C-alpha atoms as a PDB file:
ATOM      1  CA  MET A   1     107.732 143.394  58.175  1.00  0.00           C
ATOM      2  CA  GLY A   2     104.799 145.670  57.672  1.00  0.00           C
ATOM      3  CA  SER A   3     102.336 142.963  58.023  1.00  0.00           C
ATOM      4  CA  HIS A   4     103.854 142.018  61.384  1.00  0.00           C
ATOM      5  CA  SER A   5     103.507 145.544  62.511  1.00  0.00           C
ATOM      6  CA  ASN A   6      99.727 145.490  61.493  1.00  0.00           C
ATOM      7  CA  VAL A   7      99.094 142.320  63.548  1.00  0.00           C
ATOM      8  CA  ALA A   8     100.735 143.869  66.532  1.00  0.00           C
ATOM      9  CA  LEU A   9      98.790 147.153  66.225  1.00  0.00           C
ATOM     10  CA  ARG A  10      95.638 145.157  66.031  1.00  0.00           C
ATOM     11  CA  ILE A  11      96.333 143.037  69.014  1.00  0.00           C
ATOM     12  CA  ARG A  12      97.447 145.939  71.003  1.00  0.00           C
ATOM     13  CA  ALA A  13      94.241 148.075  70.112  1.00  0.00           C
ATOM     14  CA  GLN A  14      92.201 145.006  71.185  1.00  0.00           C
ATOM     15  CA  SER A  15      93.839 144.404  74.298  1.00  0.00           C
ATOM     16  CA  GLN A  16      92.937 147.975  75.476  1.00  0.00           C
ATOM     17  CA  THR A  17      89.314 147.327  75.150  1.00  0.00           C
ATOM     18  CA  ALA A  18      88.916 143.683  75.394  1.00  0.00           C
ATOM     19  CA  SER A  19      89.113 141.174  78.356  1.00  0.00           C
ATOM     20  CA  LEU A  20      92.234 138.918  78.454  1.00  0.00           C
ATOM     21  CA  SER A  21      90.445 135.923  77.209  1.00  0.00           C
ATOM     22  CA  LYS A  22      89.053 137.905  74.026  1.00  0.00           C
ATOM     23  CA  TRP A  23      92.783 139.127  73.580  1.00  0.00           C
ATOM     24  CA  ILE A  24      94.166 135.788  73.545  1.00  0.00           C
ATOM     25  CA  SER A  25      91.295 134.314  71.317  1.00  0.00           C
ATOM     26  CA  THR A  26      91.913 137.234  68.871  1.00  0.00           C
ATOM     27  CA  ALA A  27      95.783 136.618  68.886  1.00  0.00           C
ATOM     28  CA  ILE A  28      95.154 132.886  68.229  1.00  0.00           C
ATOM     29  CA  ILE A  29      93.023 133.580  65.415  1.00  0.00           C
ATOM     30  CA  ILE A  30      95.312 136.161  63.821  1.00  0.00           C
ATOM     31  CA  THR A  31      98.226 133.918  64.163  1.00  0.00           C
ATOM     32  CA  MET A  32      96.256 130.782  62.947  1.00  0.00           C
ATOM     33  CA  ARG A  33      95.287 132.921  59.766  1.00  0.00           C
ATOM     34  CA  LYS A  34      98.932 133.805  59.249  1.00  0.00           C
ATOM     35  CA  TYR A  35     100.708 130.386  60.105  1.00  0.00           C
ATOM     36  CA  GLY A  36      97.823 127.980  59.624  1.00  0.00           C
ATOM     37  CA  LEU A  37      97.941 124.537  60.992  1.00  0.00           C
ATOM     38  CA  TYR A  38     101.449 124.895  62.398  1.00  0.00           C
ATOM     39  CA  VAL A  39      99.902 126.820  65.384  1.00  0.00           C
ATOM     40  CA  LEU A  40      97.077 124.341  65.837  1.00  0.00           C
ATOM     41  CA  PHE A  41      99.681 121.550  65.964  1.00  0.00           C
ATOM     42  CA  ALA A  42     101.663 123.363  68.624  1.00  0.00           C
ATOM     43  CA  LEU A  43      98.725 124.135  70.696  1.00  0.00           C
ATOM     44  CA  ILE A  44      97.660 120.574  70.641  1.00  0.00           C
ATOM     45  CA  SER A  45     101.258 119.449  71.245  1.00  0.00           C
ATOM     46  CA  SER A  46     101.524 121.511  74.241  1.00  0.00           C
ATOM     47  CA  LEU A  47      98.213 120.319  75.692  1.00  0.00           C
ATOM     48  CA  THR A  48      99.413 116.741  75.202  1.00  0.00           C
ATOM     49  CA  ILE A  49     102.650 117.399  76.776  1.00  0.00           C
ATOM     50  CA  VAL A  50     101.055 118.876  79.796  1.00  0.00           C
ATOM     51  CA  GLY A  51      98.602 115.754  80.062  1.00  0.00           C
ATOM     52  CA  PHE A  52     101.522 113.682  79.775  1.00  0.00           C
ATOM     53  CA  PHE A  53     103.485 114.824  82.665  1.00  0.00           C
ATOM     54  CA  GLN A  54     100.531 114.669  84.893  1.00  0.00           C
ATOM     55  CA  ASN A  55     100.972 111.595  86.908  1.00  0.00           C
ATOM     56  CA  PRO A  56      97.807 110.811  88.820  1.00  0.00           C
ATOM     57  CA  GLN A  57      98.867 108.005  91.018  1.00  0.00           C
ATOM     58  CA  ILE A  58      96.613 106.363  93.397  1.00  0.00           C
ATOM     59  CA  ASP A  59      97.308 105.992  97.035  1.00  0.00           C
ATOM     60  CA  ARG A  60      96.597 103.006  99.403  1.00  0.00           C
ATOM     61  CA  LYS A  61      93.180 104.279 100.690  1.00  0.00           C
ATOM     62  CA  GLN A  62      92.107 104.889  97.092  1.00  0.00           C
ATOM     63  CA  LEU A  63      93.171 101.425  96.067  1.00  0.00           C
ATOM     64  CA  ARG A  64      91.042  99.961  98.790  1.00  0.00           C
ATOM     65  CA  GLU A  65      88.027 102.267  97.981  1.00  0.00           C
ATOM     66  CA  MET A  66      88.304 101.184  94.183  1.00  0.00           C
ATOM     67  CA  LEU A  67      88.318  97.629  95.131  1.00  0.00           C
ATOM     68  CA  VAL A  68      85.146  98.128  97.121  1.00  0.00           C
ATOM     69  CA  GLN A  69      83.509 100.087  94.460  1.00  0.00           C
ATOM     70  CA  MET A  70      84.130  97.508  91.958  1.00  0.00           C
ATOM     71  CA  GLY A  71      82.028  95.101  94.115  1.00  0.00           C
ATOM     72  CA  TYR A  72      84.836  92.900  95.604  1.00  0.00           C
ATOM     73  CA  GLU A  73      84.702  91.909  99.085  1.00  0.00           C
ATOM     74  CA  VAL A  74      87.948  93.181 100.443  1.00  0.00           C
ATOM     75  CA  THR A  75      89.879  91.926 103.424  1.00  0.00           C
ATOM     76  CA  ASP A  76      92.547  94.110 104.955  1.00  0.00           C
ATOM     77  CA  ILE A  77      95.689  91.829 105.212  1.00  0.00           C
ATOM     78  CA  VAL A  78      98.173  94.525 106.527  1.00  0.00           C
ATOM     79  CA  LYS A  79      96.881  97.578 108.379  1.00  0.00           C
ATOM     80  CA  ASP A  80     100.037  99.341 109.143  1.00  0.00           C
ATOM     81  CA  ALA A  81     100.146 102.966 107.754  1.00  0.00           C
ATOM     82  CA  GLY A  82     102.081 102.837 104.581  1.00  0.00           C
ATOM     83  CA  LYS A  83     102.132  99.196 104.154  1.00  0.00           C
ATOM     84  CA  GLU A  84      98.617  98.509 103.680  1.00  0.00           C
ATOM     85  CA  LYS A  85      97.798  95.293 101.730  1.00  0.00           C
ATOM     86  CA  TYR A  86      94.311  94.081 100.828  1.00  0.00           C
ATOM     87  CA  SER A  87      92.897  90.946  99.342  1.00  0.00           C
ATOM     88  CA  THR A  88      89.904  89.680  97.291  1.00  0.00           C
ATOM     89  CA  THR A  89      89.159  86.229  96.418  1.00  0.00           C
ATOM     90  CA  PHE A  90      88.266  84.861  92.852  1.00  0.00           C
ATOM     91  CA  VAL A  91      87.063  81.525  91.797  1.00  0.00           C
ATOM     92  CA  ARG A  92      88.710  79.989  88.691  1.00  0.00           C
ATOM     93  CA  ASP A  93      89.007  76.475  87.649  1.00  0.00           C
ATOM     94  CA  GLY A  94      87.578  75.206  90.891  1.00  0.00           C
ATOM     95  CA  LEU A  95      89.953  77.103  92.971  1.00  0.00           C
ATOM     96  CA  ASN A  96      89.552  80.073  95.446  1.00  0.00           C
ATOM     97  CA  ILE A  97      92.250  82.389  94.579  1.00  0.00           C
ATOM     98  CA  PRO A  98      92.900  85.184  97.135  1.00  0.00           C
ATOM     99  CA  VAL A  99      94.728  87.933  95.301  1.00  0.00           C
ATOM    100  CA  GLY A 100      96.635  90.365  97.284  1.00  0.00           C
ATOM    101  CA  TYR A 101      96.851  94.071  96.448  1.00  0.00           C
ATOM    102  CA  GLU A 102      99.519  96.444  97.625  1.00  0.00           C
ATOM    103  CA  ILE A 103     101.407  99.588  96.570  1.00  0.00           C
ATOM    104  CA  SER A 104     105.101  99.584  96.388  1.00  0.00           C
ATOM    105  CA  PRO A 105     107.080 101.599  98.656  1.00  0.00           C
ATOM    106  CA  SER A 106     107.988 103.989  95.764  1.00  0.00           C
ATOM    107  CA  ASN A 107     104.340 104.300  95.052  1.00  0.00           C
ATOM    108  CA  SER A 108     105.083 103.471  91.283  1.00  0.00           C
ATOM    109  CA  TYR A 109     103.445 100.019  91.215  1.00  0.00           C
ATOM    110  CA  ILE A 110     100.578  98.207  92.425  1.00  0.00           C
ATOM    111  CA  TRP A 111     101.316  94.643  93.112  1.00  0.00           C
ATOM    112  CA  LEU A 112      98.849  91.828  92.643  1.00  0.00           C
ATOM    113  CA  THR A 113     100.114  88.657  94.239  1.00  0.00           C
ATOM    114  CA  VAL A 114      98.906  85.144  94.934  1.00  0.00           C
ATOM    115  CA  ASN A 115     100.420  82.963  97.640  1.00  0.00           C
ATOM    116  CA  LEU A 116     100.548  79.317  96.064  1.00  0.00           C
ATOM    117  CA  GLY A 117     102.105  77.539  99.125  1.00  0.00           C
ATOM    118  CA  GLU A 118     105.469  76.143  99.888  1.00  0.00           C
ATOM    119  CA  ALA A 119     108.088  76.457  97.179  1.00  0.00           C
ATOM    120  CA  PRO A 120     109.436  73.198  95.448  1.00  0.00           C
ATOM    121  CA  PRO A 121     112.971  72.046  95.979  1.00  0.00           C
ATOM    122  CA  GLU A 122     115.530  73.951  94.044  1.00  0.00           C
ATOM    123  CA  ALA A 123     116.512  71.192  91.543  1.00  0.00           C
ATOM    124  CA  SER A 124     113.061  69.783  91.173  1.00  0.00           C
ATOM    125  CA  THR A 125     111.274  69.202  87.845  1.00  0.00           C
ATOM    126  CA  LYS A 126     108.435  71.476  89.141  1.00  0.00           C
ATOM    127  CA  SER A 127     110.768  74.333  89.577  1.00  0.00           C
ATOM    128  CA  TYR A 128     111.917  73.908  85.761  1.00  0.00           C
ATOM    129  CA  ALA A 129     108.371  73.780  84.757  1.00  0.00           C
ATOM    130  CA  LEU A 130     107.436  77.000  86.728  1.00  0.00           C
ATOM    131  CA  LEU A 131     110.359  78.814  84.822  1.00  0.00           C
ATOM    132  CA  LYS A 132     108.852  77.637  81.593  1.00  0.00           C
ATOM    133  CA  GLN A 133     105.496  78.727  82.482  1.00  0.00           C
ATOM    134  CA  ASN A 134     106.712  82.323  83.098  1.00  0.00           C
ATOM    135  CA  ALA A 135     107.091  82.841  79.333  1.00  0.00           C
ATOM    136  CA  LYS A 136     103.513  81.658  78.795  1.00  0.00           C
ATOM    137  CA  VAL A 137     101.738  83.899  81.386  1.00  0.00           C
ATOM    138  CA  GLN A 138     103.694  87.347  81.071  1.00  0.00           C
ATOM    139  CA  PRO A 139     103.249  89.949  82.477  1.00  0.00           C
ATOM    140  CA  CYS A 140     102.467  87.755  85.471  1.00  0.00           C
ATOM    141  CA  PHE A 141     105.247  85.533  86.817  1.00  0.00           C
ATOM    142  CA  PHE A 142     106.029  82.882  89.360  1.00  0.00           C
ATOM    143  CA  TYR A 143     108.575  83.526  92.054  1.00  0.00           C
ATOM    144  CA  ILE A 144     110.051  82.318  95.374  1.00  0.00           C
ATOM    145  CA  THR A 145     110.288  84.416  98.494  1.00  0.00           C
ATOM    146  CA  GLU A 146     113.204  84.514 100.962  1.00  0.00           C
ATOM    147  CA  SER A 147     110.903  82.576 103.500  1.00  0.00           C
ATOM    148  CA  GLY A 148     110.290  79.871 100.729  1.00  0.00           C
ATOM    149  CA  ARG A 149     106.902  80.592  99.732  1.00  0.00           C
ATOM    150  CA  MET A 150     105.948  80.211  95.954  1.00  0.00           C
ATOM    151  CA  MET A 151     104.207  83.144  94.616  1.00  0.00           C
ATOM    152  CA  PHE A 152     102.422  84.313  91.421  1.00  0.00           C
ATOM    153  CA  ALA A 153     102.582  88.140  90.783  1.00  0.00           C
ATOM    154  CA  MET A 154     101.803  90.894  88.460  1.00  0.00           C
ATOM    155  CA  ALA A 155     103.075  94.643  88.744  1.00  0.00           C
ATOM    156  CA  VAL A 156     100.712  97.247  87.390  1.00  0.00           C
ATOM    157  CA  GLU A 157     102.080 100.619  86.634  1.00  0.00           C
ATOM    158  CA  ASN A 158     100.462 103.139  89.366  1.00  0.00           C
ATOM    159  CA  ARG A 159      99.797 105.820  86.827  1.00  0.00           C
ATOM    160  CA  GLY A 160      96.083 106.463  85.569  1.00  0.00           C
ATOM    161  CA  VAL A 161      94.791 103.187  87.061  1.00  0.00           C
ATOM    162  CA  THR A 162      90.995 102.996  86.603  1.00  0.00           C
ATOM    163  CA  PRO A 163      88.511 100.548  87.826  1.00  0.00           C
ATOM    164  CA  VAL A 164      88.522  98.865  84.258  1.00  0.00           C
ATOM    165  CA  ILE A 165      92.383  98.528  84.265  1.00  0.00           C
ATOM    166  CA  LEU A 166      92.438  97.113  87.921  1.00  0.00           C
ATOM    167  CA  ARG A 167      89.639  94.561  87.075  1.00  0.00           C
ATOM    168  CA  ALA A 168      91.387  93.375  83.867  1.00  0.00           C
ATOM    169  CA  ARG A 169      94.584  92.706  85.715  1.00  0.00           C
ATOM    170  CA  SER A 170      92.751  91.173  88.548  1.00  0.00           C
ATOM    171  CA  GLU A 171      90.929  88.747  86.102  1.00  0.00           C
ATOM    172  CA  ALA A 172      94.173  88.142  84.260  1.00  0.00           C
ATOM    173  CA  ILE A 173      96.234  87.067  87.355  1.00  0.00           C
ATOM    174  CA  SER A 174      93.401  84.644  88.531  1.00  0.00           C
ATOM    175  CA  GLU A 175      92.863  83.296  85.206  1.00  0.00           C
ATOM    176  CA  ASN A 176      96.657  82.505  84.887  1.00  0.00           C
ATOM    177  CA  VAL A 177      96.837  81.102  88.461  1.00  0.00           C
ATOM    178  CA  GLY A 178      93.702  78.796  87.448  1.00  0.00           C
ATOM    179  CA  LYS A 179      95.018  77.599  84.061  1.00  0.00           C
ATOM    180  CA  THR A 180      98.524  76.744  85.446  1.00  0.00           C
ATOM    181  CA  LYS A 181      97.361  74.906  88.435  1.00  0.00           C
ATOM    182  CA  GLU A 182      98.510  71.431  86.876  1.00  0.00           C
ATOM    183  CA  VAL A 183     102.073  72.881  87.177  1.00  0.00           C
ATOM    184  CA  TRP A 184     102.106  74.709  90.401  1.00  0.00           C
ATOM    185  CA  GLN A 185     100.117  71.947  92.367  1.00  0.00           C
ATOM    186  CA  LYS A 186     102.120  68.981  91.569  1.00  0.00           C
END
């Protein structure tokens, strides 16, 4: 108990003469001397937790700006506020592949989509082949819209998205469209 009171007296004396930052530094040093790595671990853990709970999402305008800064030629597909959708074109396996970019209504995901044309009939061999391809192209996937369009898509979590991440996902979706063309073009 005596050593705890000495620490408290030293901290109290220093706080009266030093600035707040010096007082905090001294308190950390004294505590670290007493408790060693436990305090360092707790400090690092608390900073990690604070960083973990920060959720820097990009908005629709930032998405467009990022695509332009990445050197892509960006076309505005939908201009309605809150529903903006953009497109860039990639060339893979002899195909011009327009990839659409839009942020989900919840702002949680950035959707990359490619319109592949009319969907095949429900009971066709092509439909079955597309379903089999989904296992090979994950996290991308084929799907059919309510209006009968065959689409290829990938959802990117809208948290900490950087140009490097967005470029990698853009390359992945366009590569997968190109390498599966024999299945979806039949």
